[in-house]
C-alpha cells in the first residue's frame, strides 16, 4: 500500500540558498526508491517549504533516508538552518 508523507521545512533568514542546494542533491534520489514528489510548495516569503511525497511502501522512505548520498549532502541542510518535520498523512474523504 502506498504511503504519503508531508515534509515541512522552516527556513531562517538567509538559509534558502543552502536549502535549495541540498534539495537539488537529494530530491533526484527519490525515484531510485520508488518515491514521487507529488507537490512542492513554498510560502511567498520563502520561509516555509512543503513537500508531499509518496512511496509504494514505508520501506521506501527508510531506504531513501539511509542513502549515503543524503549523508554527503547533509552539511548543506545543516548550513541552511532548516527545521524539518515529517508526517505520515492520508487523504480525508
N, C-alpha and C. Protein backbone atom coordinates (compact mmCIF):
# COMPACT_ATOMS: atom_id res chain seq x y z
N UNK A 1 0.83 -1.17 0.00
CA UNK A 1 0.00 0.00 0.00
C UNK A 1 0.89 1.25 0.00
N UNK A 2 0.55 2.20 -0.85
CA UNK A 2 1.32 3.44 -0.95
C UNK A 2 1.23 4.23 0.35
N UNK A 3 2.31 4.91 0.67
CA UNK A 3 2.39 5.73 1.87
C UNK A 3 2.77 7.15 1.45
N UNK A 4 2.06 8.13 2.00
CA UNK A 4 2.31 9.53 1.64
C UNK A 4 2.80 10.27 2.88
N UNK A 5 3.75 11.16 2.65
CA UNK A 5 4.35 11.95 3.72
C UNK A 5 4.27 13.42 3.37
N UNK A 6 4.13 14.23 4.41
CA UNK A 6 4.21 15.68 4.29
C UNK A 6 5.47 16.12 5.01
N UNK A 7 6.35 16.79 4.29
CA UNK A 7 7.57 17.33 4.89
C UNK A 7 7.42 18.84 4.93
N UNK A 8 7.66 19.40 6.13
CA UNK A 8 7.66 20.86 6.29
C UNK A 8 9.05 21.29 6.72
N UNK A 9 9.60 22.26 6.03
CA UNK A 9 10.91 22.82 6.39
C UNK A 9 10.72 24.30 6.67
N UNK A 10 11.09 24.69 7.88
CA UNK A 10 11.03 26.10 8.27
C UNK A 10 12.43 26.67 8.12
N UNK A 11 12.55 27.68 7.25
CA UNK A 11 13.86 28.22 6.89
C UNK A 11 14.11 29.57 7.56
N UNK A 12 15.25 29.70 8.21
CA UNK A 12 15.58 31.00 8.78
C UNK A 12 16.02 31.97 7.68
N UNK A 13 16.03 33.23 8.01
CA UNK A 13 16.54 34.24 7.08
C UNK A 13 17.94 33.84 6.63
N UNK A 14 18.18 33.87 5.33
CA UNK A 14 19.50 33.55 4.79
C UNK A 14 19.76 32.08 4.55
N UNK A 15 18.79 31.20 4.84
CA UNK A 15 19.02 29.77 4.69
C UNK A 15 18.58 29.18 3.36
N UNK A 16 17.93 29.97 2.54
CA UNK A 16 17.31 29.45 1.31
C UNK A 16 18.31 28.87 0.32
N UNK A 17 19.43 29.54 0.07
CA UNK A 17 20.37 29.06 -0.94
C UNK A 17 20.94 27.68 -0.57
N UNK A 18 21.34 27.51 0.69
CA UNK A 18 21.88 26.21 1.12
C UNK A 18 20.79 25.15 1.07
N UNK A 19 19.56 25.51 1.44
CA UNK A 19 18.46 24.55 1.39
C UNK A 19 18.18 24.13 -0.04
N UNK A 20 18.15 25.08 -0.96
CA UNK A 20 17.94 24.75 -2.38
C UNK A 20 19.04 23.84 -2.91
N UNK A 21 20.28 24.08 -2.50
CA UNK A 21 21.40 23.22 -2.93
C UNK A 21 21.21 21.80 -2.39
N UNK A 22 20.78 21.69 -1.14
CA UNK A 22 20.51 20.37 -0.54
C UNK A 22 19.40 19.66 -1.31
N UNK A 23 18.31 20.35 -1.55
CA UNK A 23 17.19 19.76 -2.27
C UNK A 23 17.60 19.32 -3.68
N UNK A 24 18.42 20.09 -4.34
CA UNK A 24 18.90 19.72 -5.68
C UNK A 24 19.70 18.42 -5.65
N UNK A 25 20.38 18.18 -4.53
CA UNK A 25 21.19 16.96 -4.40
C UNK A 25 20.34 15.75 -4.03
N UNK A 26 19.30 15.93 -3.21
CA UNK A 26 18.60 14.75 -2.68
C UNK A 26 17.27 14.43 -3.35
N UNK A 27 16.56 15.41 -3.86
CA UNK A 27 15.27 15.11 -4.47
C UNK A 27 15.37 14.15 -5.67
N UNK A 28 16.41 14.25 -6.51
CA UNK A 28 16.50 13.30 -7.62
C UNK A 28 16.65 11.83 -7.16
N UNK A 29 17.05 11.61 -5.92
CA UNK A 29 17.23 10.25 -5.40
C UNK A 29 15.89 9.57 -5.13
N UNK A 30 14.83 10.33 -4.95
CA UNK A 30 13.53 9.74 -4.63
C UNK A 30 13.14 8.61 -5.58
N UNK A 31 13.29 8.84 -6.86
CA UNK A 31 12.85 7.87 -7.86
C UNK A 31 13.55 6.52 -7.72
N UNK A 32 14.79 6.53 -7.24
CA UNK A 32 15.51 5.27 -7.07
C UNK A 32 14.87 4.38 -6.02
N UNK A 33 14.05 4.96 -5.16
CA UNK A 33 13.39 4.20 -4.09
C UNK A 33 11.88 4.14 -4.30
N UNK A 34 11.45 4.45 -5.51
CA UNK A 34 10.04 4.41 -5.84
C UNK A 34 9.27 5.63 -5.38
N UNK A 35 9.99 6.61 -4.85
CA UNK A 35 9.34 7.82 -4.34
C UNK A 35 8.96 8.78 -5.45
N UNK A 36 7.91 9.54 -5.18
CA UNK A 36 7.45 10.52 -6.16
C UNK A 36 7.11 11.81 -5.40
N UNK A 37 7.69 12.90 -5.83
CA UNK A 37 7.37 14.21 -5.28
C UNK A 37 6.07 14.66 -5.93
N UNK A 38 4.99 14.60 -5.16
CA UNK A 38 3.67 14.94 -5.69
C UNK A 38 3.49 16.45 -5.82
N UNK A 39 4.04 17.16 -4.84
CA UNK A 39 3.85 18.61 -4.81
C UNK A 39 4.97 19.23 -4.00
N UNK A 40 5.47 20.36 -4.44
CA UNK A 40 6.48 21.13 -3.72
C UNK A 40 6.00 22.57 -3.68
N UNK A 41 5.78 23.06 -2.47
CA UNK A 41 5.23 24.39 -2.29
C UNK A 41 6.11 25.20 -1.36
N UNK A 42 6.11 26.51 -1.56
CA UNK A 42 6.89 27.40 -0.70
C UNK A 42 6.05 28.64 -0.42
N UNK A 43 6.14 29.14 0.80
CA UNK A 43 5.40 30.35 1.15
C UNK A 43 5.98 31.54 0.37
N UNK A 44 5.18 32.56 0.26
CA UNK A 44 5.59 33.74 -0.52
C UNK A 44 6.81 34.43 0.05
N UNK A 45 7.04 34.28 1.35
CA UNK A 45 8.23 34.90 1.96
C UNK A 45 9.45 33.96 1.97
N UNK A 46 9.34 32.80 1.32
CA UNK A 46 10.43 31.81 1.21
C UNK A 46 10.90 31.27 2.56
N UNK A 47 10.03 31.25 3.56
CA UNK A 47 10.44 30.81 4.89
C UNK A 47 9.96 29.40 5.23
N UNK A 48 8.96 28.88 4.50
CA UNK A 48 8.47 27.52 4.75
C UNK A 48 8.30 26.82 3.41
N UNK A 49 8.82 25.60 3.35
CA UNK A 49 8.63 24.77 2.15
C UNK A 49 7.93 23.49 2.57
N UNK A 50 7.00 23.04 1.75
CA UNK A 50 6.25 21.81 2.00
C UNK A 50 6.41 20.88 0.81
N UNK A 51 6.60 19.60 1.11
CA UNK A 51 6.65 18.56 0.07
C UNK A 51 5.60 17.52 0.39
N UNK A 52 4.91 17.06 -0.61
CA UNK A 52 4.03 15.91 -0.50
C UNK A 52 4.69 14.81 -1.30
N UNK A 53 5.10 13.75 -0.62
CA UNK A 53 5.91 12.69 -1.23
C UNK A 53 5.23 11.35 -1.01
N UNK A 54 5.17 10.52 -2.05
CA UNK A 54 4.56 9.20 -1.95
C UNK A 54 5.57 8.12 -2.30
N UNK A 55 5.58 7.07 -1.49
CA UNK A 55 6.38 5.87 -1.73
C UNK A 55 5.44 4.68 -1.84
N UNK A 56 5.82 3.64 -2.59
CA UNK A 56 4.97 2.46 -2.70
C UNK A 56 4.77 1.77 -1.35
N UNK A 57 5.79 1.83 -0.47
CA UNK A 57 5.71 1.22 0.86
C UNK A 57 6.47 2.10 1.84
N UNK A 58 6.28 1.86 3.14
CA UNK A 58 7.01 2.63 4.13
C UNK A 58 8.51 2.33 4.08
N UNK A 59 8.87 1.15 3.58
CA UNK A 59 10.28 0.80 3.43
C UNK A 59 11.00 1.70 2.44
N UNK A 60 10.28 2.26 1.49
CA UNK A 60 10.89 3.15 0.50
C UNK A 60 11.45 4.39 1.16
N UNK A 61 10.72 4.96 2.09
CA UNK A 61 11.22 6.14 2.80
C UNK A 61 12.46 5.79 3.61
N UNK A 62 12.43 4.66 4.30
CA UNK A 62 13.58 4.26 5.11
C UNK A 62 14.83 4.08 4.25
N UNK A 63 14.67 3.46 3.10
CA UNK A 63 15.81 3.25 2.20
C UNK A 63 16.32 4.58 1.65
N UNK A 64 15.41 5.45 1.28
CA UNK A 64 15.79 6.79 0.79
C UNK A 64 16.56 7.55 1.86
N UNK A 65 16.08 7.51 3.09
CA UNK A 65 16.74 8.25 4.16
C UNK A 65 18.11 7.67 4.50
N UNK A 66 18.31 6.39 4.22
CA UNK A 66 19.59 5.74 4.51
C UNK A 66 20.61 5.88 3.38
N UNK A 67 20.21 6.46 2.27
CA UNK A 67 21.12 6.60 1.12
C UNK A 67 22.33 7.42 1.53
N UNK A 68 23.54 6.91 1.31
CA UNK A 68 24.74 7.63 1.72
C UNK A 68 24.93 8.98 1.02
N UNK A 69 24.34 9.15 -0.13
CA UNK A 69 24.45 10.44 -0.82
C UNK A 69 23.69 11.53 -0.06
N UNK A 70 22.68 11.15 0.68
CA UNK A 70 21.99 12.13 1.54
C UNK A 70 22.92 12.58 2.67
N UNK A 71 23.70 11.64 3.20
CA UNK A 71 24.66 11.99 4.26
C UNK A 71 25.72 12.95 3.74
N UNK A 72 26.14 12.74 2.50
CA UNK A 72 27.14 13.63 1.90
C UNK A 72 26.56 15.05 1.77
N UNK A 73 25.27 15.13 1.44
CA UNK A 73 24.63 16.44 1.26
C UNK A 73 24.17 17.07 2.57
N UNK A 74 24.17 16.31 3.66
CA UNK A 74 23.65 16.78 4.94
C UNK A 74 24.26 18.11 5.42
N UNK A 75 25.56 18.37 5.19
CA UNK A 75 26.09 19.67 5.63
C UNK A 75 25.37 20.87 5.01
N UNK A 76 24.83 20.70 3.81
CA UNK A 76 24.05 21.78 3.19
C UNK A 76 22.76 22.04 3.96
N UNK A 77 22.11 20.96 4.37
CA UNK A 77 20.88 21.11 5.15
C UNK A 77 21.20 21.77 6.49
N UNK A 78 22.28 21.33 7.10
CA UNK A 78 22.70 21.92 8.37
C UNK A 78 23.00 23.41 8.21
N UNK A 79 23.71 23.75 7.13
CA UNK A 79 24.07 25.15 6.88
C UNK A 79 22.85 26.02 6.63
N UNK A 80 21.79 25.42 6.11
CA UNK A 80 20.57 26.18 5.84
C UNK A 80 19.86 26.59 7.13
N UNK A 81 20.09 25.83 8.19
CA UNK A 81 19.40 26.11 9.45
C UNK A 81 17.94 25.69 9.45
N UNK A 82 17.54 24.91 8.45
CA UNK A 82 16.14 24.49 8.34
C UNK A 82 15.75 23.58 9.49
N UNK A 83 14.56 23.80 10.00
CA UNK A 83 13.93 22.89 10.96
C UNK A 83 12.94 22.06 10.17
N UNK A 84 13.19 20.75 10.09
CA UNK A 84 12.40 19.87 9.23
C UNK A 84 11.50 18.97 10.06
N UNK A 85 10.25 18.87 9.64
CA UNK A 85 9.28 17.97 10.26
C UNK A 85 8.73 17.05 9.18
N UNK A 86 8.49 15.78 9.54
CA UNK A 86 7.96 14.81 8.60
C UNK A 86 6.75 14.14 9.22
N UNK A 87 5.66 14.08 8.46
CA UNK A 87 4.42 13.49 8.94
C UNK A 87 3.90 12.48 7.93
N UNK A 88 3.46 11.33 8.39
CA UNK A 88 2.70 10.42 7.54
C UNK A 88 1.30 11.01 7.42
N UNK A 89 0.75 11.07 6.22
CA UNK A 89 -0.56 11.67 6.02
C UNK A 89 -1.45 10.76 5.18
N UNK A 90 -2.73 11.05 5.19
CA UNK A 90 -3.69 10.30 4.39
C UNK A 90 -4.71 11.26 3.82
N UNK A 91 -5.37 10.83 2.74
CA UNK A 91 -6.46 11.61 2.17
C UNK A 91 -7.66 11.55 3.12
N UNK A 92 -8.36 12.63 3.21
CA UNK A 92 -9.57 12.70 4.04
C UNK A 92 -10.76 12.81 3.10
N UNK A 93 -11.67 11.85 3.18
CA UNK A 93 -12.85 11.90 2.27
C UNK A 93 -13.78 13.05 2.60
